[in-house]
Amino acid sequence: MAAVIAVSGVKNSGKTTLIEKLLPALNARGVKTAVLKHDGHSFAADREGTDTCRFLAAGAMGAAIFDGEKFQAVKFTEVSEIDLIALYPEADLILLEGFKWTDYPKLELVRSGVSDAPVCNPETLIALVTDTNCIVPGVPAFGFEDVDALADLLQKEARR
């Protein structure tokens, strides 16, 4: 079973950028990582002009495209992160982008000029990533450029 860790923080705190930096470092450590992002709004499920988009526009209840290495599926149904986590049984680690109000263990980002204090329950924090003097007692703090140290921490969490 994969370790599930949320990368949380307020909007524009750098969650996507940090995940993007962590992925090569995790890959170099042999940590197979999947990422799930929740969109609080609605998103386009496919790109206009693709065959699958055309199928959906014509009334298909779902559509998928695949080759010998990957697939992409669109299915209109209620879904949760738990359903999507199940799609990655081979993963060592699943990073959730967002999920600040959940009980998942978290890296919380507090970025100067964007936020001045953590918003997550301190009991869920495994680390704080910040460029401020913000501290949470008992929670290690890292800078935004401490990618290797954060990858080490995530690797340890994935091994638990």
Protein backbone atom coordinates (compact mmCIF):
# COMPACT_ATOMS: atom_id res chain seq x y z
CA MET A 1 0.00 0.00 0.00
CA ALA A 2 1.37 3.39 -0.97
CA ALA A 3 2.01 6.14 1.54
CA VAL A 4 -0.38 9.03 0.92
CA ILE A 5 0.84 12.54 1.72
CA ALA A 6 -0.85 15.82 0.94
CA VAL A 7 1.10 18.84 -0.25
CA SER A 8 -1.08 21.60 1.16
CA GLY A 9 -1.22 25.34 1.55
CA VAL A 10 -3.26 28.30 0.45
CA LYS A 11 -3.73 29.16 -3.23
CA ASN A 12 -0.48 30.26 -4.95
CA SER A 13 1.74 28.98 -2.14
CA GLY A 14 3.76 26.88 -4.60
CA LYS A 15 2.26 23.40 -4.27
CA THR A 16 2.48 22.48 -7.97
CA THR A 17 6.00 23.88 -8.31
CA LEU A 18 7.24 22.01 -5.25
CA ILE A 19 5.72 18.73 -6.46
CA GLU A 20 7.30 19.31 -9.86
CA LYS A 21 10.70 19.71 -8.17
CA LEU A 22 10.21 16.72 -5.87
CA LEU A 23 9.32 14.22 -8.59
CA PRO A 24 12.80 13.97 -10.20
CA ALA A 25 14.40 13.69 -6.75
CA LEU A 26 11.97 10.93 -5.74
CA ASN A 27 12.50 9.14 -9.05
CA ALA A 28 16.28 9.25 -8.49
CA ARG A 29 15.68 7.50 -5.15
CA GLY A 30 13.56 4.81 -6.81
CA VAL A 31 10.33 6.03 -5.21
CA LYS A 32 7.44 5.37 -7.60
CA THR A 33 5.18 8.37 -7.13
CA ALA A 34 1.72 9.24 -8.43
CA VAL A 35 0.10 12.66 -8.01
CA LEU A 36 -3.59 13.40 -7.58
CA LYS A 37 -4.94 16.93 -7.84
CA HIS A 38 -8.43 17.96 -6.83
CA ASP A 39 -9.98 20.79 -8.82
CA GLY A 40 -12.50 22.72 -6.75
CA HIS A 41 -14.07 23.98 -9.96
CA SER A 42 -14.87 22.14 -13.14
CA PHE A 43 -12.14 21.28 -15.62
CA ALA A 44 -12.14 20.27 -19.26
CA ALA A 45 -11.93 16.49 -19.28
CA ASP A 46 -10.31 16.34 -22.70
CA ARG A 47 -8.72 18.60 -25.33
CA GLU A 48 -10.98 19.98 -28.03
CA GLY A 49 -10.39 18.35 -31.38
CA THR A 50 -9.30 14.95 -30.06
CA ASP A 51 -11.28 11.88 -31.05
CA THR A 52 -12.17 11.13 -27.43
CA CYS A 53 -13.44 14.69 -26.97
CA ARG A 54 -15.57 14.26 -30.07
CA PHE A 55 -16.99 11.00 -28.70
CA LEU A 56 -17.88 12.70 -25.42
CA ALA A 57 -19.48 15.67 -27.21
CA ALA A 58 -21.55 13.24 -29.25
CA GLY A 59 -22.96 11.70 -26.07
CA ALA A 60 -20.64 8.91 -24.94
CA MET A 61 -20.89 8.29 -21.19
CA GLY A 62 -17.12 7.85 -21.16
CA ALA A 63 -14.16 7.53 -23.48
CA ALA A 64 -10.62 6.23 -23.23
CA ILE A 65 -7.50 6.28 -25.34
CA PHE A 66 -4.55 3.96 -24.84
CA ASP A 67 -1.41 2.59 -26.37
CA GLY A 68 0.97 -0.08 -25.11
CA GLU A 69 2.40 2.17 -22.36
CA LYS A 70 -0.34 4.45 -21.02
CA PHE A 71 -4.01 5.30 -21.06
CA GLN A 72 -6.28 8.24 -20.41
CA ALA A 73 -9.90 7.73 -19.49
CA VAL A 74 -12.78 10.11 -18.97
CA LYS A 75 -15.79 8.83 -17.07
CA PHE A 76 -18.54 11.05 -15.78
CA THR A 77 -19.20 9.77 -12.29
CA GLU A 78 -18.69 10.75 -8.68
CA VAL A 79 -15.15 9.99 -7.63
CA SER A 80 -12.99 10.54 -4.56
CA GLU A 81 -9.27 10.47 -4.00
CA ILE A 82 -9.71 7.02 -2.45
CA ASP A 83 -11.10 5.72 -5.77
CA LEU A 84 -8.16 7.25 -7.64
CA ILE A 85 -5.54 6.00 -5.17
CA ALA A 86 -6.72 2.50 -6.04
CA LEU A 87 -5.62 3.09 -9.66
CA TYR A 88 -1.96 3.10 -8.53
CA PRO A 89 -1.30 -0.17 -6.67
CA GLU A 90 2.31 -0.15 -7.88
CA ALA A 91 3.05 3.28 -6.35
CA ASP A 92 5.26 3.68 -3.29
CA LEU A 93 3.98 7.20 -2.66
CA ILE A 94 0.91 9.15 -3.68
CA LEU A 95 1.07 12.92 -3.37
CA LEU A 96 -2.24 14.73 -3.08
CA GLU A 97 -2.13 18.37 -4.13
CA GLY A 98 -4.32 20.38 -1.79
CA PHE A 99 -6.46 18.51 0.73
CA LYS A 100 -5.58 20.97 3.50
CA TRP A 101 -8.72 20.22 5.54
CA THR A 102 -8.23 16.43 5.56
CA ASP A 103 -6.53 14.12 8.03
CA TYR A 104 -3.86 13.00 5.55
CA PRO A 105 -0.26 13.60 6.67
CA LYS A 106 0.97 16.82 5.09
CA LEU A 107 3.75 19.01 3.90
CA GLU A 108 2.29 22.48 4.36
CA LEU A 109 3.62 25.42 2.39
CA VAL A 110 3.66 28.86 3.97
CA ARG A 111 5.01 31.42 1.49
CA SER A 112 5.90 35.01 2.30
CA GLY A 113 3.47 37.46 0.73
CA VAL A 114 0.88 34.71 0.23
CA SER A 115 0.26 33.36 3.72
CA ASP A 116 1.66 34.12 7.13
CA ALA A 117 0.65 31.07 9.15
CA PRO A 118 -0.24 27.43 8.61
CA VAL A 119 -3.90 26.66 7.93
CA CYS A 120 -3.73 22.87 8.38
CA ASN A 121 -4.33 21.00 11.61
CA PRO A 122 -0.84 20.89 13.20
CA GLU A 123 -1.40 17.24 14.15
CA THR A 124 -1.39 16.32 10.45
CA LEU A 125 1.90 18.07 9.59
CA ILE A 126 5.00 16.02 8.88
CA ALA A 127 6.87 19.13 7.73
CA LEU A 128 6.50 22.82 7.04
CA VAL A 129 7.95 24.28 3.85
CA THR A 130 8.44 28.01 4.22
CA ASP A 131 10.47 31.10 3.47
CA THR A 132 9.20 32.80 6.64
CA ASN A 133 10.09 32.55 10.33
CA CYS A 134 6.91 30.55 10.90
CA ILE A 135 7.34 27.53 13.15
CA VAL A 136 5.08 24.79 14.41
CA PRO A 137 6.43 23.19 17.59
CA GLY A 138 7.63 19.66 16.93
CA VAL A 139 7.34 20.00 13.15
CA PRO A 140 10.52 20.25 11.05
CA ALA A 141 10.77 23.24 8.72
CA PHE A 142 12.39 23.27 5.30
CA GLY A 143 13.01 25.96 2.71
CA PHE A 144 11.45 25.80 -0.74
CA GLU A 145 14.83 24.85 -2.22
CA ASP A 146 15.45 21.99 0.26
CA VAL A 147 14.22 19.49 -2.33
CA ASP A 148 16.73 16.75 -1.50
CA ALA A 149 15.97 16.88 2.23
CA LEU A 150 12.24 16.83 1.52
CA ALA A 151 12.66 13.91 -0.89
CA ASP A 152 14.59 12.05 1.84
CA LEU A 153 11.71 12.69 4.26
CA LEU A 154 9.13 11.51 1.73
CA GLN A 155 11.20 8.43 0.92
CA LYS A 156 11.23 7.51 4.62
CA GLU A 157 7.47 8.01 4.80
CA ALA A 158 7.00 5.80 1.72
CA ARG A 159 9.01 3.00 3.36
CA ARG A 160 6.81 2.94 6.48
